[in-house]
Amino acid sequence: MAVLDRTPAHTAPAAARTAARPIGVGLALAALATVVWSGSFVTSRALHDSVPPIQHAFWRWIIAIAAVAPFAARRTWRQRHVLREHAKFLLVASLLGVTVYNTLVNQAGMTTTAGNMGMIMAASPVLMAVHERLGGARLGARRVTGMLVACAGVLLLVGKGSLTMDFAVGDLWIIAAALSFGSYSALLKRKPKEIEGLPFLFSTFVLGAVMLLPVHMASYVLQGGFEPTVGTVSPLLYVGVVSSAIAFFAWNKAISIIGAARAGVVYYLQPVCVALLSFAVLGEGMGWLQVLCMGLILGGVVLGAARTR
């Protein structure tokens, strides 16, 4: 009996330390994915005058497929019957998260700054909450208030300090991208449990690229191709390998360790990361309006995402 009494006293602190380590790893992986994804907005802006948006998106996913294939192709083949059974779900997820979302981000980069893109995209969790409400979930007063504050920040940002609807073309494109990303994220909650993470990732990359192929060919005929130089190929390798393959793997791993709710909080750092990267890489300035809107968007999103007891 004495042995039984001593065992919890010795093992409890060690168990607590062991449990804390995976949480730290999960948060680090989520932060890595957030920072890497922030760089995607900078590359979209950097390539806006050298690579057509559709061709940018298409080659991003071709590179991502090549990067993920050695790790996922065999497991995807083993799950081919499961994937075929849920083909409709995979098609919709690929359309929203791969084909449409990233193409719209690249299109937005033609006429708006990377900082604006990052801050507007920070309102995506608010759109996820709207999807939850449409699905029957009840939203408390705190969440609704957060949604309104974040939306006010977006309106002030794209209205250049007023609540008028004087949107720049690029701001409208990134708002459409946020709608696509919010819908994609809401759809992920319904992902069949029998589909493994890597096969899901690989299959959506492939399906998204296939759906982009016709518009890519049209873009090539109408706009011409781009010159493969260090200035164009290097950003494409970044978004294809780092921002697509590595970041998605890190994010999925983070969610498996700490859960989607805790990992999602890290995503709110994205506007700060984008602003710092765009300032350092592109020389984009940041005035008081951007700082104010960043505070409103982040404050609203964090408030809206908080759970009441």
Protein backbone atom coordinates (compact mmCIF):
# COMPACT_ATOMS: atom_id res chain seq x y z
CA MET A 1 0.00 0.00 0.00
CA ALA A 2 2.91 2.31 0.77
CA VAL A 3 4.30 1.70 -2.71
CA LEU A 4 1.01 2.68 -4.27
CA ASP A 5 0.92 5.90 -2.28
CA ARG A 6 4.45 6.92 -3.34
CA THR A 7 4.05 6.29 -7.09
CA PRO A 8 1.75 9.23 -7.94
CA ALA A 9 3.97 11.63 -5.97
CA HIS A 10 7.03 10.71 -8.07
CA THR A 11 5.33 10.38 -11.45
CA ALA A 12 2.98 13.37 -11.41
CA PRO A 13 5.62 16.12 -11.90
CA ALA A 14 7.33 14.10 -14.63
CA ALA A 15 4.01 13.50 -16.37
CA ALA A 16 3.23 17.21 -16.24
CA ARG A 17 6.60 18.09 -17.77
CA THR A 18 6.11 15.45 -20.46
CA ALA A 19 2.64 16.79 -21.30
CA ALA A 20 3.95 20.36 -21.53
CA ARG A 21 6.57 19.49 -24.15
CA PRO A 22 4.13 18.47 -26.93
CA ILE A 23 2.08 21.62 -26.31
CA GLY A 24 5.16 23.75 -26.88
CA VAL A 25 6.01 21.79 -30.03
CA GLY A 26 2.46 22.19 -31.31
CA LEU A 27 2.46 25.95 -30.72
CA ALA A 28 5.84 26.25 -32.43
CA LEU A 29 4.57 24.33 -35.48
CA ALA A 30 1.45 26.51 -35.66
CA ALA A 31 3.59 29.65 -35.44
CA LEU A 32 5.88 28.30 -38.19
CA ALA A 33 2.92 27.73 -40.52
CA THR A 34 1.51 31.19 -39.76
CA VAL A 35 4.79 32.96 -40.50
CA VAL A 36 5.33 30.96 -43.70
CA TRP A 37 1.79 31.64 -44.92
CA SER A 38 2.32 35.33 -44.23
CA GLY A 39 5.17 35.22 -46.73
CA SER A 40 2.72 34.08 -49.41
CA PHE A 41 1.07 37.50 -49.43
CA VAL A 42 4.48 39.12 -49.87
CA THR A 43 5.35 36.84 -52.81
CA SER A 44 1.96 37.51 -54.42
CA ARG A 45 2.68 41.21 -54.29
CA ALA A 46 6.32 40.77 -55.39
CA LEU A 47 5.31 38.80 -58.52
CA HIS A 48 2.33 40.96 -59.50
CA ASP A 49 4.12 42.55 -62.47
CA SER A 50 6.11 39.53 -63.68
CA VAL A 51 3.93 36.40 -63.33
CA PRO A 52 0.20 36.38 -64.22
CA PRO A 53 -1.91 35.47 -61.15
CA ILE A 54 -3.38 32.28 -62.60
CA GLN A 55 0.01 31.00 -63.77
CA HIS A 56 1.42 31.87 -60.33
CA ALA A 57 -1.25 29.74 -58.66
CA PHE A 58 -0.92 26.86 -61.12
CA TRP A 59 2.85 26.48 -60.82
CA ARG A 60 2.63 26.86 -57.05
CA TRP A 61 0.53 23.70 -56.84
CA ILE A 62 2.58 21.81 -59.42
CA ILE A 63 5.66 22.44 -57.27
CA ALA A 64 3.71 21.53 -54.13
CA ILE A 65 2.58 18.24 -55.70
CA ALA A 66 6.17 17.37 -56.59
CA ALA A 67 7.30 18.19 -53.05
CA VAL A 68 4.59 16.17 -51.29
CA ALA A 69 4.45 13.19 -53.68
CA PRO A 70 7.44 11.27 -52.22
CA PHE A 71 5.78 11.25 -48.80
CA ALA A 72 2.08 10.98 -49.72
CA ALA A 73 1.68 9.21 -53.07
CA ARG A 74 1.87 5.65 -51.72
CA ARG A 75 -0.48 6.35 -48.80
CA THR A 76 -2.89 8.12 -51.15
CA TRP A 77 -2.93 5.09 -53.44
CA ARG A 78 -3.73 2.82 -50.49
CA GLN A 79 -6.67 5.08 -49.62
CA ARG A 80 -7.96 5.39 -53.18
CA HIS A 81 -11.24 3.60 -52.42
CA VAL A 82 -11.97 5.89 -49.46
CA LEU A 83 -11.07 8.96 -51.49
CA ARG A 84 -13.30 7.84 -54.35
CA GLU A 85 -16.17 7.36 -51.90
CA HIS A 86 -15.84 10.98 -50.74
CA ALA A 87 -15.03 12.45 -54.14
CA LYS A 88 -17.65 15.23 -53.91
CA PHE A 89 -16.24 16.47 -50.61
CA LEU A 90 -12.69 16.44 -51.99
CA LEU A 91 -13.74 18.34 -55.12
CA VAL A 92 -15.43 21.12 -53.14
CA ALA A 93 -12.51 21.37 -50.69
CA SER A 94 -10.02 21.49 -53.58
CA LEU A 95 -12.04 24.13 -55.41
CA LEU A 96 -12.32 26.44 -52.39
CA GLY A 97 -8.95 25.91 -50.72
CA VAL A 98 -6.63 25.38 -53.70
CA THR A 99 -8.13 26.52 -56.99
CA VAL A 100 -10.09 29.61 -55.95
CA TYR A 101 -8.52 30.93 -52.73
CA ASN A 102 -4.89 31.24 -53.80
CA THR A 103 -5.78 32.49 -57.27
CA LEU A 104 -7.81 35.30 -55.72
CA VAL A 105 -4.94 36.18 -53.38
CA ASN A 106 -2.59 36.45 -56.37
CA GLN A 107 -5.13 38.56 -58.24
CA ALA A 108 -5.46 40.87 -55.22
CA GLY A 109 -1.70 41.33 -55.15
CA MET A 110 -1.94 43.10 -58.52
CA THR A 111 -3.59 46.20 -57.03
CA THR A 112 -3.31 46.20 -53.23
CA THR A 113 -0.49 45.94 -50.70
CA ALA A 114 0.61 42.79 -48.91
CA GLY A 115 -0.19 44.47 -45.59
CA ASN A 116 -3.79 45.11 -46.60
CA MET A 117 -4.15 41.52 -47.80
CA GLY A 118 -2.91 40.14 -44.48
CA MET A 119 -5.17 42.35 -42.38
CA ILE A 120 -8.29 41.67 -44.42
CA MET A 121 -7.58 37.92 -44.33
CA ALA A 122 -7.43 38.15 -40.52
CA ALA A 123 -11.21 38.53 -40.58
CA SER A 124 -11.59 35.01 -41.98
CA PRO A 125 -12.43 33.48 -38.56
CA VAL A 126 -15.40 35.86 -38.42
CA LEU A 127 -16.63 34.34 -41.68
CA MET A 128 -16.16 30.89 -40.16
CA ALA A 129 -18.46 31.96 -37.32
CA VAL A 130 -21.08 33.03 -39.86
CA HIS A 131 -20.91 29.56 -41.41
CA GLU A 132 -21.41 28.04 -37.96
CA ARG A 133 -24.50 30.20 -37.41
CA LEU A 134 -25.93 29.20 -40.78
CA GLY A 135 -25.30 25.60 -39.76
CA GLY A 136 -27.47 26.01 -36.67
CA ALA A 137 -24.90 26.92 -34.01
CA ARG A 138 -25.80 29.66 -31.53
CA LEU A 139 -23.50 32.69 -31.28
CA GLY A 140 -23.22 34.51 -27.97
CA ALA A 141 -23.09 38.27 -27.47
CA ARG A 142 -19.29 38.24 -27.13
CA ARG A 143 -18.84 36.50 -30.46
CA VAL A 144 -21.27 38.79 -32.28
CA THR A 145 -19.54 41.84 -30.81
CA GLY A 146 -16.17 40.54 -31.96
CA MET A 147 -17.52 39.99 -35.45
CA LEU A 148 -18.81 43.57 -35.64
CA VAL A 149 -15.53 45.04 -34.37
CA ALA A 150 -13.45 43.03 -36.85
CA CYS A 151 -15.78 43.92 -39.74
CA ALA A 152 -15.51 47.61 -38.79
CA GLY A 153 -11.73 47.29 -38.98
CA VAL A 154 -11.96 45.76 -42.45
CA LEU A 155 -14.36 48.47 -43.65
CA LEU A 156 -12.11 51.24 -42.30
CA LEU A 157 -9.08 49.67 -43.95
CA VAL A 158 -10.56 49.23 -47.42
CA GLY A 159 -12.49 52.54 -47.13
CA LYS A 160 -9.22 54.38 -46.32
CA GLY A 161 -10.44 55.80 -43.03
CA SER A 162 -14.17 56.10 -43.64
CA LEU A 163 -17.05 53.67 -43.67
CA THR A 164 -17.91 54.43 -47.29
CA MET A 165 -17.83 51.61 -49.83
CA ASP A 166 -14.89 53.04 -51.79
CA PHE A 167 -13.05 49.74 -52.19
CA ALA A 168 -9.92 49.31 -54.27
CA VAL A 169 -10.08 46.49 -56.79
CA GLY A 170 -7.43 44.48 -54.92
CA ASP A 171 -9.32 44.86 -51.64
CA LEU A 172 -12.41 43.34 -53.25
CA TRP A 173 -10.37 40.41 -54.57
CA ILE A 174 -8.91 39.67 -51.13
CA ILE A 175 -12.36 39.93 -49.52
CA ALA A 176 -13.51 37.29 -52.01
CA ALA A 177 -10.44 35.23 -51.08
CA ALA A 178 -11.35 35.53 -47.40
CA LEU A 179 -14.86 34.27 -48.19
CA SER A 180 -13.37 31.29 -50.01
CA PHE A 181 -10.93 30.52 -47.19
CA GLY A 182 -13.64 30.84 -44.55
CA SER A 183 -15.87 28.45 -46.46
CA TYR A 184 -12.98 26.02 -46.91
CA SER A 185 -12.13 26.12 -43.20
CA ALA A 186 -15.77 25.53 -42.25
CA LEU A 187 -15.86 22.60 -44.65
CA LEU A 188 -12.82 21.01 -43.00
CA LYS A 189 -14.88 20.39 -39.87
CA ARG A 190 -16.83 17.84 -41.93
CA LYS A 191 -13.79 15.98 -43.25
CA PRO A 192 -14.46 12.24 -43.01
CA LYS A 193 -12.35 10.72 -40.24
CA GLU A 194 -11.32 7.79 -42.41
CA ILE A 195 -9.36 10.09 -44.77
CA GLU A 196 -5.80 10.45 -43.48
CA GLY A 197 -4.06 13.82 -43.40
CA LEU A 198 -1.40 13.31 -46.08
CA PRO A 199 -3.72 11.65 -48.63
CA PHE A 200 -6.23 14.45 -48.09
CA LEU A 201 -3.52 17.07 -48.59
CA PHE A 202 -2.07 15.41 -51.69
CA SER A 203 -5.43 14.72 -53.33
CA THR A 204 -6.64 18.31 -52.84
CA PHE A 205 -3.39 19.61 -54.33
CA VAL A 206 -3.81 17.38 -57.39
CA LEU A 207 -7.52 18.10 -57.89
CA GLY A 208 -6.99 21.84 -57.41
CA ALA A 209 -4.22 21.90 -60.00
CA VAL A 210 -6.33 19.91 -62.47
CA MET A 211 -9.18 22.41 -62.11
CA LEU A 212 -6.70 25.26 -62.67
CA LEU A 213 -5.27 23.72 -65.84
CA PRO A 214 -7.89 25.04 -68.33
CA VAL A 215 -7.70 28.64 -67.05
CA HIS A 216 -3.91 28.39 -66.91
CA MET A 217 -3.82 27.41 -70.57
CA ALA A 218 -6.16 30.30 -71.41
CA SER A 219 -3.93 32.70 -69.46
CA TYR A 220 -0.87 31.42 -71.31
CA VAL A 221 -2.53 31.97 -74.71
CA LEU A 222 -3.96 35.40 -73.90
CA GLN A 223 -1.25 36.85 -71.63
CA GLY A 224 1.81 34.89 -72.65
CA GLY A 225 4.14 33.07 -70.31
CA PHE A 226 6.64 34.51 -67.86
CA GLU A 227 10.40 34.52 -68.03
CA PRO A 228 11.93 31.88 -65.71
CA THR A 229 14.53 33.91 -63.83
CA VAL A 230 15.83 33.83 -60.28
CA GLY A 231 13.37 36.61 -59.44
CA THR A 232 10.37 34.55 -60.59
CA VAL A 233 11.38 30.95 -59.90
CA SER A 234 12.62 31.54 -56.34
CA PRO A 235 9.28 32.95 -55.06
CA LEU A 236 7.42 30.13 -56.83
CA LEU A 237 9.66 27.56 -55.11
CA TYR A 238 8.94 29.27 -51.81
CA VAL A 239 5.17 29.19 -52.16
CA GLY A 240 5.21 25.70 -53.66
CA VAL A 241 7.58 23.94 -51.26
CA VAL A 242 7.62 26.04 -48.10
CA SER A 243 4.23 27.77 -48.05
CA SER A 244 2.27 24.82 -49.44
CA ALA A 245 3.99 21.54 -48.55
CA ILE A 246 5.88 22.42 -45.36
CA ALA A 247 3.38 24.90 -43.90
CA PHE A 248 0.37 22.63 -44.45
CA PHE A 249 2.26 19.71 -42.93
CA ALA A 250 3.28 21.83 -39.91
CA TRP A 251 -0.27 23.13 -39.44
CA ASN A 252 -1.85 19.68 -39.65
CA LYS A 253 0.71 18.32 -37.20
CA ALA A 254 0.09 21.22 -34.82
CA ILE A 255 -3.65 20.55 -34.86
CA SER A 256 -3.03 16.86 -34.14
CA ILE A 257 -0.97 17.84 -31.07
CA ILE A 258 -2.80 20.81 -29.55
CA GLY A 259 -6.14 20.87 -31.36
CA ALA A 260 -7.64 23.28 -33.86
CA ALA A 261 -8.90 25.82 -31.29
CA ARG A 262 -5.51 26.43 -29.68
CA ALA A 263 -3.66 26.38 -33.01
CA GLY A 264 -6.19 28.80 -34.48
CA VAL A 265 -5.29 31.46 -31.94
CA VAL A 266 -1.77 31.59 -33.42
CA TYR A 267 -3.28 32.42 -36.83
CA TYR A 268 -4.29 35.82 -35.48
CA LEU A 269 -0.60 36.81 -35.59
CA GLN A 270 -0.70 36.73 -39.39
CA PRO A 271 -1.39 40.45 -40.00
CA VAL A 272 1.56 41.41 -37.79
CA CYS A 273 3.82 38.96 -39.65
CA VAL A 274 2.64 40.20 -43.05
CA ALA A 275 3.14 43.85 -42.07
CA LEU A 276 6.69 43.20 -40.84
CA LEU A 277 7.61 41.07 -43.88
CA SER A 278 6.15 43.55 -46.38
CA PHE A 279 8.03 46.38 -44.67
CA ALA A 280 11.31 44.44 -44.65
CA VAL A 281 11.07 42.87 -48.12
CA LEU A 282 8.94 45.25 -50.18
CA GLY A 283 9.49 48.51 -48.32
CA GLU A 284 5.75 49.02 -47.76
CA GLY A 285 5.01 51.68 -45.17
CA MET A 286 2.53 51.49 -42.30
CA GLY A 287 0.60 54.53 -41.10
CA TRP A 288 -1.70 55.16 -38.18
CA LEU A 289 -4.72 53.90 -40.15
CA GLN A 290 -3.15 50.47 -40.75
CA VAL A 291 -2.17 50.22 -37.08
CA LEU A 292 -5.69 51.17 -35.97
CA CYS A 293 -7.34 48.72 -38.36
CA MET A 294 -4.94 45.97 -37.32
CA GLY A 295 -5.92 46.53 -33.69
CA LEU A 296 -9.63 46.47 -34.51
CA ILE A 297 -9.41 43.33 -36.64
CA LEU A 298 -7.23 41.40 -34.22
CA GLY A 299 -9.22 42.54 -31.19
CA GLY A 300 -12.51 41.64 -32.85
CA VAL A 301 -11.33 38.25 -34.02
CA VAL A 302 -9.85 37.30 -30.64
CA LEU A 303 -13.01 38.50 -28.88
CA GLY A 304 -15.21 36.62 -31.32
CA ALA A 305 -13.20 33.44 -30.99
CA ALA A 306 -13.21 33.43 -27.18
CA ARG A 307 -15.34 30.74 -25.61
CA THR A 308 -17.71 31.52 -22.83
CA ARG A 309 -17.88 29.15 -19.90
